[in-house]
């Protein structure tokens, strides 16, 4: 058991602690749940890490809710499929259908806000599902840091 725990600890790192208001926490839980609930812990931590990295970047909104709800709008309405996180503008309601996954997403959000992040994804501001290749992924400014679960993570070297 100690060997397994030690191996897991080698994959994570502690980064600066981010404090969040209740609504910010809820936005992080929502994003983890809808973007990564089918992932194992490390995949969920990686997605949360991207959100928190974006929050700290001057190139993105400075709140967690601002980051996860960032979208192109026309006449004040979100344009379908023109969001930073696809779940937010896919036309479906953001509901929690799986209580166990929602509770686990909450635990992962707490861990992330305490500063736990995967070493492999520190600094990553982008990811996508491995079964798609968005146009931005071929931009030479984006350096792939590897795949975790069903997502491939990137650092934007042009920032």
N, C-alpha and C. Protein backbone atom coordinates (compact mmCIF):
# COMPACT_ATOMS: atom_id res chain seq x y z
N UNK A 1 0.82 -1.19 0.00
CA UNK A 1 0.00 0.00 0.00
C UNK A 1 0.87 1.26 0.00
N UNK A 2 1.93 1.27 0.81
CA UNK A 2 2.81 2.43 0.85
C UNK A 2 3.44 2.70 -0.51
N UNK A 3 3.81 1.63 -1.22
CA UNK A 3 4.43 1.79 -2.53
C UNK A 3 3.46 2.43 -3.52
N UNK A 4 2.20 2.02 -3.50
CA UNK A 4 1.19 2.59 -4.38
C UNK A 4 0.99 4.07 -4.06
N UNK A 5 0.88 4.41 -2.78
CA UNK A 5 0.69 5.80 -2.37
C UNK A 5 1.90 6.64 -2.77
N UNK A 6 3.08 6.12 -2.57
CA UNK A 6 4.29 6.84 -2.94
C UNK A 6 4.33 7.07 -4.45
N UNK A 7 3.95 6.06 -5.23
CA UNK A 7 3.92 6.22 -6.68
C UNK A 7 2.94 7.30 -7.08
N UNK A 8 1.79 7.36 -6.44
CA UNK A 8 0.80 8.37 -6.76
C UNK A 8 1.33 9.76 -6.42
N UNK A 9 1.96 9.90 -5.28
CA UNK A 9 2.49 11.20 -4.86
C UNK A 9 3.54 11.70 -5.84
N UNK A 10 4.26 10.83 -6.49
CA UNK A 10 5.26 11.24 -7.45
C UNK A 10 4.63 11.91 -8.67
N UNK A 11 3.36 11.67 -8.92
CA UNK A 11 2.68 12.24 -10.08
C UNK A 11 2.03 13.59 -9.78
N UNK A 12 1.99 13.98 -8.53
CA UNK A 12 1.35 15.25 -8.18
C UNK A 12 2.36 16.21 -7.59
N UNK A 13 2.00 17.45 -7.58
CA UNK A 13 2.85 18.46 -6.97
C UNK A 13 1.95 19.45 -6.26
N UNK A 14 2.48 20.14 -5.32
CA UNK A 14 1.72 21.15 -4.61
C UNK A 14 2.08 22.50 -5.19
N UNK A 15 1.08 23.21 -5.68
CA UNK A 15 1.31 24.54 -6.23
C UNK A 15 0.62 25.55 -5.33
N UNK A 16 0.79 26.81 -5.64
CA UNK A 16 0.23 27.83 -4.75
C UNK A 16 -1.25 27.63 -4.52
N UNK A 17 -1.68 27.85 -3.30
CA UNK A 17 -3.07 27.65 -2.93
C UNK A 17 -3.93 28.75 -3.50
N UNK A 18 -5.07 28.34 -4.06
CA UNK A 18 -6.02 29.28 -4.62
C UNK A 18 -7.25 29.26 -3.72
N UNK A 19 -7.64 30.42 -3.21
CA UNK A 19 -8.84 30.48 -2.39
C UNK A 19 -10.02 30.80 -3.30
N UNK A 20 -11.16 30.25 -2.96
CA UNK A 20 -12.33 30.47 -3.81
C UNK A 20 -13.56 30.75 -2.96
N UNK A 21 -14.41 31.62 -3.47
CA UNK A 21 -15.71 31.86 -2.86
C UNK A 21 -16.57 30.64 -3.15
N UNK A 22 -17.72 30.54 -2.46
CA UNK A 22 -18.61 29.40 -2.66
C UNK A 22 -19.04 29.25 -4.12
N UNK A 23 -19.40 30.35 -4.78
CA UNK A 23 -19.84 30.24 -6.17
C UNK A 23 -18.69 29.81 -7.08
N UNK A 24 -17.49 30.25 -6.78
CA UNK A 24 -16.32 29.84 -7.55
C UNK A 24 -16.07 28.35 -7.37
N UNK A 25 -16.22 27.87 -6.16
CA UNK A 25 -16.07 26.44 -5.88
C UNK A 25 -17.09 25.65 -6.69
N UNK A 26 -18.33 26.11 -6.69
CA UNK A 26 -19.39 25.43 -7.42
C UNK A 26 -19.10 25.39 -8.92
N UNK A 27 -18.56 26.47 -9.46
CA UNK A 27 -18.20 26.49 -10.88
C UNK A 27 -17.10 25.47 -11.18
N UNK A 28 -16.15 25.33 -10.28
CA UNK A 28 -15.08 24.35 -10.48
C UNK A 28 -15.65 22.93 -10.41
N UNK A 29 -16.51 22.67 -9.46
CA UNK A 29 -17.14 21.35 -9.34
C UNK A 29 -17.92 21.05 -10.62
N UNK A 30 -18.70 22.02 -11.07
CA UNK A 30 -19.51 21.87 -12.28
C UNK A 30 -18.64 21.49 -13.48
N UNK A 31 -17.53 22.20 -13.66
CA UNK A 31 -16.66 21.93 -14.80
C UNK A 31 -15.99 20.56 -14.69
N UNK A 32 -15.51 20.22 -13.52
CA UNK A 32 -14.88 18.91 -13.34
C UNK A 32 -15.89 17.81 -13.63
N UNK A 33 -17.09 17.96 -13.10
CA UNK A 33 -18.13 16.97 -13.30
C UNK A 33 -18.46 16.79 -14.78
N UNK A 34 -18.72 17.89 -15.46
CA UNK A 34 -19.17 17.80 -16.85
C UNK A 34 -18.05 17.52 -17.85
N UNK A 35 -16.83 17.89 -17.51
CA UNK A 35 -15.71 17.67 -18.42
C UNK A 35 -14.98 16.35 -18.15
N UNK A 36 -15.00 15.88 -16.91
CA UNK A 36 -14.10 14.76 -16.58
C UNK A 36 -14.67 13.72 -15.62
N UNK A 37 -15.97 13.66 -15.44
CA UNK A 37 -16.51 12.72 -14.45
C UNK A 37 -16.22 11.26 -14.79
N UNK A 38 -15.98 10.95 -16.05
CA UNK A 38 -15.68 9.56 -16.43
C UNK A 38 -14.20 9.22 -16.23
N UNK A 39 -13.41 10.21 -15.86
CA UNK A 39 -11.97 10.02 -15.67
C UNK A 39 -11.67 9.51 -14.26
N UNK A 40 -10.48 8.99 -14.11
CA UNK A 40 -9.97 8.65 -12.78
C UNK A 40 -9.51 9.94 -12.12
N UNK A 41 -9.10 9.85 -10.89
CA UNK A 41 -8.67 11.01 -10.11
C UNK A 41 -7.65 11.87 -10.86
N UNK A 42 -6.63 11.26 -11.44
CA UNK A 42 -5.59 12.07 -12.07
C UNK A 42 -6.12 12.85 -13.27
N UNK A 43 -7.05 12.27 -14.01
CA UNK A 43 -7.65 12.98 -15.14
C UNK A 43 -8.50 14.15 -14.68
N UNK A 44 -9.20 13.97 -13.58
CA UNK A 44 -10.01 15.05 -13.02
C UNK A 44 -9.13 16.17 -12.48
N UNK A 45 -8.04 15.81 -11.81
CA UNK A 45 -7.09 16.81 -11.31
C UNK A 45 -6.46 17.60 -12.46
N UNK A 46 -6.18 16.92 -13.56
CA UNK A 46 -5.57 17.58 -14.71
C UNK A 46 -6.52 18.63 -15.29
N UNK A 47 -7.80 18.29 -15.42
CA UNK A 47 -8.79 19.24 -15.94
C UNK A 47 -8.92 20.42 -14.98
N UNK A 48 -9.01 20.16 -13.71
CA UNK A 48 -9.10 21.24 -12.72
C UNK A 48 -7.86 22.13 -12.78
N UNK A 49 -6.71 21.53 -12.99
CA UNK A 49 -5.47 22.30 -13.07
C UNK A 49 -5.48 23.28 -14.23
N UNK A 50 -6.02 22.87 -15.37
CA UNK A 50 -6.11 23.77 -16.52
C UNK A 50 -6.99 24.97 -16.17
N UNK A 51 -8.09 24.72 -15.53
CA UNK A 51 -9.01 25.81 -15.16
C UNK A 51 -8.31 26.79 -14.22
N UNK A 52 -7.63 26.28 -13.22
CA UNK A 52 -6.97 27.16 -12.26
C UNK A 52 -5.77 27.88 -12.89
N UNK A 53 -5.09 27.23 -13.82
CA UNK A 53 -3.99 27.89 -14.53
C UNK A 53 -4.52 29.04 -15.36
N UNK A 54 -5.64 28.81 -16.04
CA UNK A 54 -6.25 29.89 -16.82
C UNK A 54 -6.66 31.05 -15.92
N UNK A 55 -7.23 30.74 -14.78
CA UNK A 55 -7.67 31.79 -13.84
C UNK A 55 -6.50 32.70 -13.46
N UNK A 56 -5.33 32.16 -13.34
CA UNK A 56 -4.15 32.92 -12.93
C UNK A 56 -3.48 33.64 -14.10
N UNK A 57 -3.85 33.28 -15.33
CA UNK A 57 -3.26 33.89 -16.51
C UNK A 57 -3.96 35.20 -16.87
N UNK A 58 -3.19 36.15 -17.34
CA UNK A 58 -3.78 37.43 -17.76
C UNK A 58 -4.53 37.31 -19.09
N UNK A 59 -4.43 36.17 -19.75
CA UNK A 59 -5.10 35.95 -21.03
C UNK A 59 -6.53 35.42 -20.90
N UNK A 60 -6.96 35.18 -19.67
CA UNK A 60 -8.29 34.60 -19.42
C UNK A 60 -8.96 35.37 -18.28
N UNK A 61 -10.25 35.14 -18.10
CA UNK A 61 -10.93 35.80 -16.97
C UNK A 61 -10.24 35.47 -15.65
N UNK A 62 -10.38 36.36 -14.68
CA UNK A 62 -9.66 36.18 -13.41
C UNK A 62 -10.49 35.50 -12.32
N UNK A 63 -11.58 34.86 -12.72
CA UNK A 63 -12.36 34.07 -11.77
C UNK A 63 -12.57 32.67 -12.36
N UNK A 64 -12.82 31.71 -11.49
CA UNK A 64 -13.08 30.35 -11.97
C UNK A 64 -14.34 30.33 -12.81
N UNK A 65 -15.40 30.98 -12.34
CA UNK A 65 -16.65 31.02 -13.12
C UNK A 65 -16.43 31.71 -14.46
N UNK A 66 -15.66 32.77 -14.47
CA UNK A 66 -15.36 33.45 -15.72
C UNK A 66 -14.64 32.56 -16.70
N UNK A 67 -13.72 31.75 -16.20
CA UNK A 67 -12.97 30.83 -17.06
C UNK A 67 -13.89 29.75 -17.62
N UNK A 68 -14.64 29.07 -16.76
CA UNK A 68 -15.42 27.92 -17.24
C UNK A 68 -16.65 28.35 -18.05
N UNK A 69 -17.10 29.58 -17.87
CA UNK A 69 -18.26 30.06 -18.61
C UNK A 69 -17.88 31.02 -19.74
N UNK A 70 -16.61 31.09 -20.08
CA UNK A 70 -16.16 31.97 -21.15
C UNK A 70 -16.73 31.47 -22.48
N UNK A 71 -17.39 32.40 -23.19
CA UNK A 71 -18.03 32.01 -24.45
C UNK A 71 -18.16 33.21 -25.37
N UNK A 72 -18.24 32.92 -26.65
CA UNK A 72 -18.56 33.97 -27.62
C UNK A 72 -20.06 34.19 -27.56
N UNK A 73 -20.45 35.46 -27.66
CA UNK A 73 -21.87 35.80 -27.57
C UNK A 73 -22.28 36.66 -28.75
N UNK A 74 -23.54 36.58 -29.08
CA UNK A 74 -24.14 37.43 -30.09
C UNK A 74 -25.42 38.01 -29.50
N UNK A 75 -25.46 39.33 -29.45
CA UNK A 75 -26.60 40.04 -28.86
C UNK A 75 -26.91 39.53 -27.45
N UNK A 76 -25.84 39.30 -26.68
CA UNK A 76 -25.97 38.91 -25.29
C UNK A 76 -26.25 37.44 -25.05
N UNK A 77 -26.37 36.64 -26.11
CA UNK A 77 -26.65 35.21 -25.95
C UNK A 77 -25.44 34.38 -26.39
N UNK A 78 -25.21 33.31 -25.67
CA UNK A 78 -24.09 32.42 -25.98
C UNK A 78 -24.33 31.77 -27.33
N UNK A 79 -23.28 31.74 -28.15
CA UNK A 79 -23.34 31.05 -29.43
C UNK A 79 -23.03 29.58 -29.19
N UNK A 80 -23.94 28.71 -29.60
CA UNK A 80 -23.80 27.29 -29.37
C UNK A 80 -22.47 26.78 -29.93
N UNK A 81 -21.77 25.99 -29.12
CA UNK A 81 -20.49 25.37 -29.46
C UNK A 81 -19.35 26.37 -29.65
N UNK A 82 -19.47 27.56 -29.09
CA UNK A 82 -18.40 28.56 -29.17
C UNK A 82 -17.93 28.94 -27.77
N UNK A 83 -17.72 27.93 -26.94
CA UNK A 83 -17.28 28.15 -25.57
C UNK A 83 -15.90 27.52 -25.36
N UNK A 84 -15.22 27.96 -24.34
CA UNK A 84 -13.93 27.38 -23.99
C UNK A 84 -14.09 25.94 -23.51
N UNK A 85 -15.19 25.66 -22.82
CA UNK A 85 -15.48 24.31 -22.32
C UNK A 85 -16.80 23.88 -22.94
N UNK A 86 -16.76 22.82 -23.72
CA UNK A 86 -17.88 22.45 -24.57
C UNK A 86 -19.18 22.20 -23.82
N UNK A 87 -19.12 21.69 -22.61
CA UNK A 87 -20.36 21.39 -21.89
C UNK A 87 -21.19 22.65 -21.66
N UNK A 88 -20.54 23.81 -21.56
CA UNK A 88 -21.23 25.03 -21.19
C UNK A 88 -22.17 25.53 -22.28
N UNK A 89 -21.88 25.24 -23.51
CA UNK A 89 -22.74 25.76 -24.58
C UNK A 89 -23.17 24.69 -25.57
N UNK A 90 -23.44 23.51 -25.06
CA UNK A 90 -23.89 22.43 -25.94
C UNK A 90 -25.41 22.36 -26.05
N UNK A 91 -26.09 23.31 -25.40
CA UNK A 91 -27.54 23.35 -25.46
C UNK A 91 -28.24 22.50 -24.41
N UNK A 92 -27.47 21.81 -23.59
CA UNK A 92 -28.05 20.96 -22.54
C UNK A 92 -27.95 21.67 -21.20
N UNK A 93 -28.85 21.34 -20.32
CA UNK A 93 -28.80 21.89 -18.96
C UNK A 93 -27.66 21.24 -18.19
N UNK A 94 -27.04 22.02 -17.32
CA UNK A 94 -25.95 21.51 -16.50
C UNK A 94 -26.54 20.85 -15.25
N UNK A 95 -26.89 19.59 -15.37
CA UNK A 95 -27.48 18.85 -14.26
C UNK A 95 -26.50 17.80 -13.77
N UNK A 96 -26.67 17.43 -12.51
CA UNK A 96 -25.86 16.38 -11.91
C UNK A 96 -26.70 15.12 -11.84
N UNK A 97 -26.53 14.23 -12.80
CA UNK A 97 -27.31 13.00 -12.87
C UNK A 97 -26.69 11.86 -12.07
N UNK A 98 -25.44 11.99 -11.72
CA UNK A 98 -24.71 10.94 -11.02
C UNK A 98 -24.17 11.51 -9.71
N UNK A 99 -24.87 11.21 -8.62
CA UNK A 99 -24.52 11.78 -7.32
C UNK A 99 -23.11 11.41 -6.89
N UNK A 100 -22.71 10.17 -7.09
CA UNK A 100 -21.36 9.75 -6.68
C UNK A 100 -20.30 10.56 -7.43
N UNK A 101 -20.50 10.75 -8.72
CA UNK A 101 -19.53 11.53 -9.51
C UNK A 101 -19.55 12.99 -9.10
N UNK A 102 -20.70 13.52 -8.75
CA UNK A 102 -20.79 14.92 -8.29
C UNK A 102 -20.03 15.09 -6.98
N UNK A 103 -20.19 14.15 -6.06
CA UNK A 103 -19.48 14.22 -4.79
C UNK A 103 -17.97 14.08 -5.00
N UNK A 104 -17.58 13.19 -5.88
CA UNK A 104 -16.15 13.02 -6.16
C UNK A 104 -15.59 14.27 -6.84
N UNK A 105 -16.36 14.87 -7.73
CA UNK A 105 -15.93 16.12 -8.38
C UNK A 105 -15.71 17.20 -7.34
N UNK A 106 -16.55 17.23 -6.32
CA UNK A 106 -16.41 18.20 -5.24
C UNK A 106 -15.12 17.95 -4.46
N UNK A 107 -14.81 16.71 -4.20
CA UNK A 107 -13.57 16.37 -3.50
C UNK A 107 -12.34 16.76 -4.33
N UNK A 108 -12.41 16.52 -5.63
CA UNK A 108 -11.30 16.88 -6.51
C UNK A 108 -11.14 18.40 -6.56
N UNK A 109 -12.25 19.12 -6.59
CA UNK A 109 -12.18 20.59 -6.57
C UNK A 109 -11.49 21.07 -5.29
N UNK A 110 -11.85 20.49 -4.16
CA UNK A 110 -11.20 20.86 -2.89
C UNK A 110 -9.70 20.59 -2.96
N UNK A 111 -9.32 19.43 -3.46
CA UNK A 111 -7.90 19.09 -3.57
C UNK A 111 -7.18 20.11 -4.45
N UNK A 112 -7.80 20.45 -5.58
CA UNK A 112 -7.19 21.39 -6.52
C UNK A 112 -7.02 22.77 -5.88
N UNK A 113 -8.02 23.20 -5.16
CA UNK A 113 -7.94 24.52 -4.51
C UNK A 113 -6.94 24.54 -3.36
N UNK A 114 -6.61 23.36 -2.83
CA UNK A 114 -5.57 23.27 -1.80
C UNK A 114 -4.19 23.28 -2.44
N UNK A 115 -4.14 23.22 -3.78
CA UNK A 115 -2.85 23.29 -4.47
C UNK A 115 -2.36 22.00 -5.06
N UNK A 116 -3.14 20.95 -5.00
CA UNK A 116 -2.69 19.68 -5.57
C UNK A 116 -2.93 19.71 -7.07
N UNK A 117 -1.85 19.48 -7.82
CA UNK A 117 -1.92 19.49 -9.27
C UNK A 117 -0.93 18.47 -9.81
N UNK A 118 -1.21 17.90 -10.96
CA UNK A 118 -0.30 16.94 -11.57
C UNK A 118 0.92 17.67 -12.12
N UNK A 119 2.09 17.14 -11.86
CA UNK A 119 3.31 17.75 -12.39
C UNK A 119 3.26 17.84 -13.91
N UNK A 120 2.74 16.82 -14.54
CA UNK A 120 2.71 16.75 -16.00
C UNK A 120 1.90 17.88 -16.63
N UNK A 121 0.93 18.44 -15.88
CA UNK A 121 0.06 19.45 -16.47
C UNK A 121 0.25 20.84 -15.87
N UNK A 122 1.24 21.03 -15.03
CA UNK A 122 1.49 22.36 -14.48
C UNK A 122 1.79 23.30 -15.65
N UNK A 123 1.06 24.39 -15.72
CA UNK A 123 1.24 25.37 -16.78
C UNK A 123 0.35 25.14 -17.99
N UNK A 124 -0.35 24.02 -18.04
CA UNK A 124 -1.23 23.74 -19.18
C UNK A 124 -2.47 24.64 -19.13
N UNK A 125 -2.80 25.20 -20.28
CA UNK A 125 -3.99 26.04 -20.40
C UNK A 125 -5.01 25.46 -21.37
N UNK A 126 -4.68 24.35 -21.98
CA UNK A 126 -5.58 23.76 -22.96
C UNK A 126 -5.59 22.23 -22.84
N UNK A 127 -6.68 21.66 -23.24
CA UNK A 127 -6.79 20.22 -23.40
C UNK A 127 -7.94 19.94 -24.35
N UNK A 128 -7.96 18.74 -24.85
CA UNK A 128 -9.09 18.30 -25.66
C UNK A 128 -9.23 16.80 -25.51
N UNK A 129 -10.41 16.30 -25.82
CA UNK A 129 -10.64 14.86 -25.79
C UNK A 129 -9.75 14.21 -26.86
N UNK A 130 -9.26 13.03 -26.55
CA UNK A 130 -8.32 12.36 -27.46
C UNK A 130 -8.96 11.92 -28.77
N UNK A 131 -10.27 11.86 -28.82
CA UNK A 131 -10.94 11.41 -30.05
C UNK A 131 -11.22 12.55 -31.04
N UNK A 132 -10.82 13.77 -30.70
CA UNK A 132 -10.98 14.91 -31.60
C UNK A 132 -9.63 15.62 -31.73
N UNK A 133 -9.50 16.42 -32.79
CA UNK A 133 -8.31 17.24 -32.95
C UNK A 133 -8.77 18.64 -33.35
N UNK A 134 -8.88 19.54 -32.37
CA UNK A 134 -9.30 20.90 -32.70
C UNK A 134 -8.22 21.61 -33.52
N UNK A 135 -8.63 22.62 -34.26
CA UNK A 135 -7.70 23.33 -35.14
C UNK A 135 -6.52 23.94 -34.39
N UNK A 136 -6.75 24.43 -33.17
CA UNK A 136 -5.68 25.07 -32.42
C UNK A 136 -4.57 24.09 -32.05
N UNK A 137 -4.87 22.79 -31.99
CA UNK A 137 -3.88 21.80 -31.55
C UNK A 137 -2.70 21.68 -32.51
N UNK A 138 -2.89 22.06 -33.77
CA UNK A 138 -1.79 21.98 -34.74
C UNK A 138 -0.96 23.27 -34.78
N UNK A 139 -1.36 24.27 -34.00
CA UNK A 139 -0.61 25.52 -33.92
C UNK A 139 0.74 25.22 -33.24
N UNK A 140 1.85 25.64 -33.85
CA UNK A 140 3.16 25.35 -33.26
C UNK A 140 3.38 25.97 -31.88
N UNK A 141 2.56 26.95 -31.50
CA UNK A 141 2.69 27.54 -30.16
C UNK A 141 2.22 26.59 -29.06
N UNK A 142 1.44 25.57 -29.43
CA UNK A 142 0.92 24.65 -28.42
C UNK A 142 1.80 23.40 -28.34
N UNK A 143 2.35 23.19 -27.15
CA UNK A 143 3.21 22.03 -26.91
C UNK A 143 2.41 20.98 -26.15
N UNK A 144 2.24 19.82 -26.76
CA UNK A 144 1.52 18.72 -26.11
C UNK A 144 2.36 18.19 -24.95
N UNK A 145 1.74 18.09 -23.79
CA UNK A 145 2.44 17.59 -22.61
C UNK A 145 2.11 16.13 -22.33
N UNK A 146 1.18 15.59 -23.10
CA UNK A 146 0.85 14.18 -22.96
C UNK A 146 -0.63 13.96 -22.73
N UNK A 147 -0.97 12.70 -22.75
CA UNK A 147 -2.36 12.30 -22.56
C UNK A 147 -2.55 11.75 -21.16
N UNK A 148 -3.63 12.17 -20.54
CA UNK A 148 -4.04 11.64 -19.24
C UNK A 148 -5.49 11.22 -19.41
N UNK A 149 -5.75 9.96 -19.23
CA UNK A 149 -7.10 9.46 -19.45
C UNK A 149 -7.51 9.71 -20.89
N UNK A 150 -8.65 10.34 -21.07
CA UNK A 150 -9.18 10.60 -22.40
C UNK A 150 -8.89 11.99 -22.92
N UNK A 151 -7.95 12.72 -22.29
CA UNK A 151 -7.66 14.08 -22.70
C UNK A 151 -6.16 14.27 -22.98
N UNK A 152 -5.88 15.14 -23.93
CA UNK A 152 -4.49 15.52 -24.24
C UNK A 152 -4.31 16.97 -23.79
N UNK A 153 -3.23 17.23 -23.06
CA UNK A 153 -3.00 18.52 -22.42
C UNK A 153 -1.86 19.28 -23.10
N UNK A 154 -2.00 20.63 -23.13
CA UNK A 154 -1.06 21.48 -23.85
C UNK A 154 -0.67 22.71 -23.03
N UNK A 155 0.55 23.16 -23.28
CA UNK A 155 1.01 24.46 -22.80
C UNK A 155 1.05 25.38 -24.01
N UNK A 156 0.56 26.59 -23.84
CA UNK A 156 0.61 27.59 -24.90
C UNK A 156 1.94 28.31 -24.78
N UNK A 157 2.88 27.98 -25.64
CA UNK A 157 4.21 28.56 -25.58
C UNK A 157 4.23 30.00 -26.08
N UNK A 158 3.15 30.44 -26.72
CA UNK A 158 3.06 31.80 -27.24
C UNK A 158 2.58 32.81 -26.23
N UNK A 159 2.26 32.38 -25.03
CA UNK A 159 1.76 33.31 -24.01
C UNK A 159 2.90 33.96 -23.26
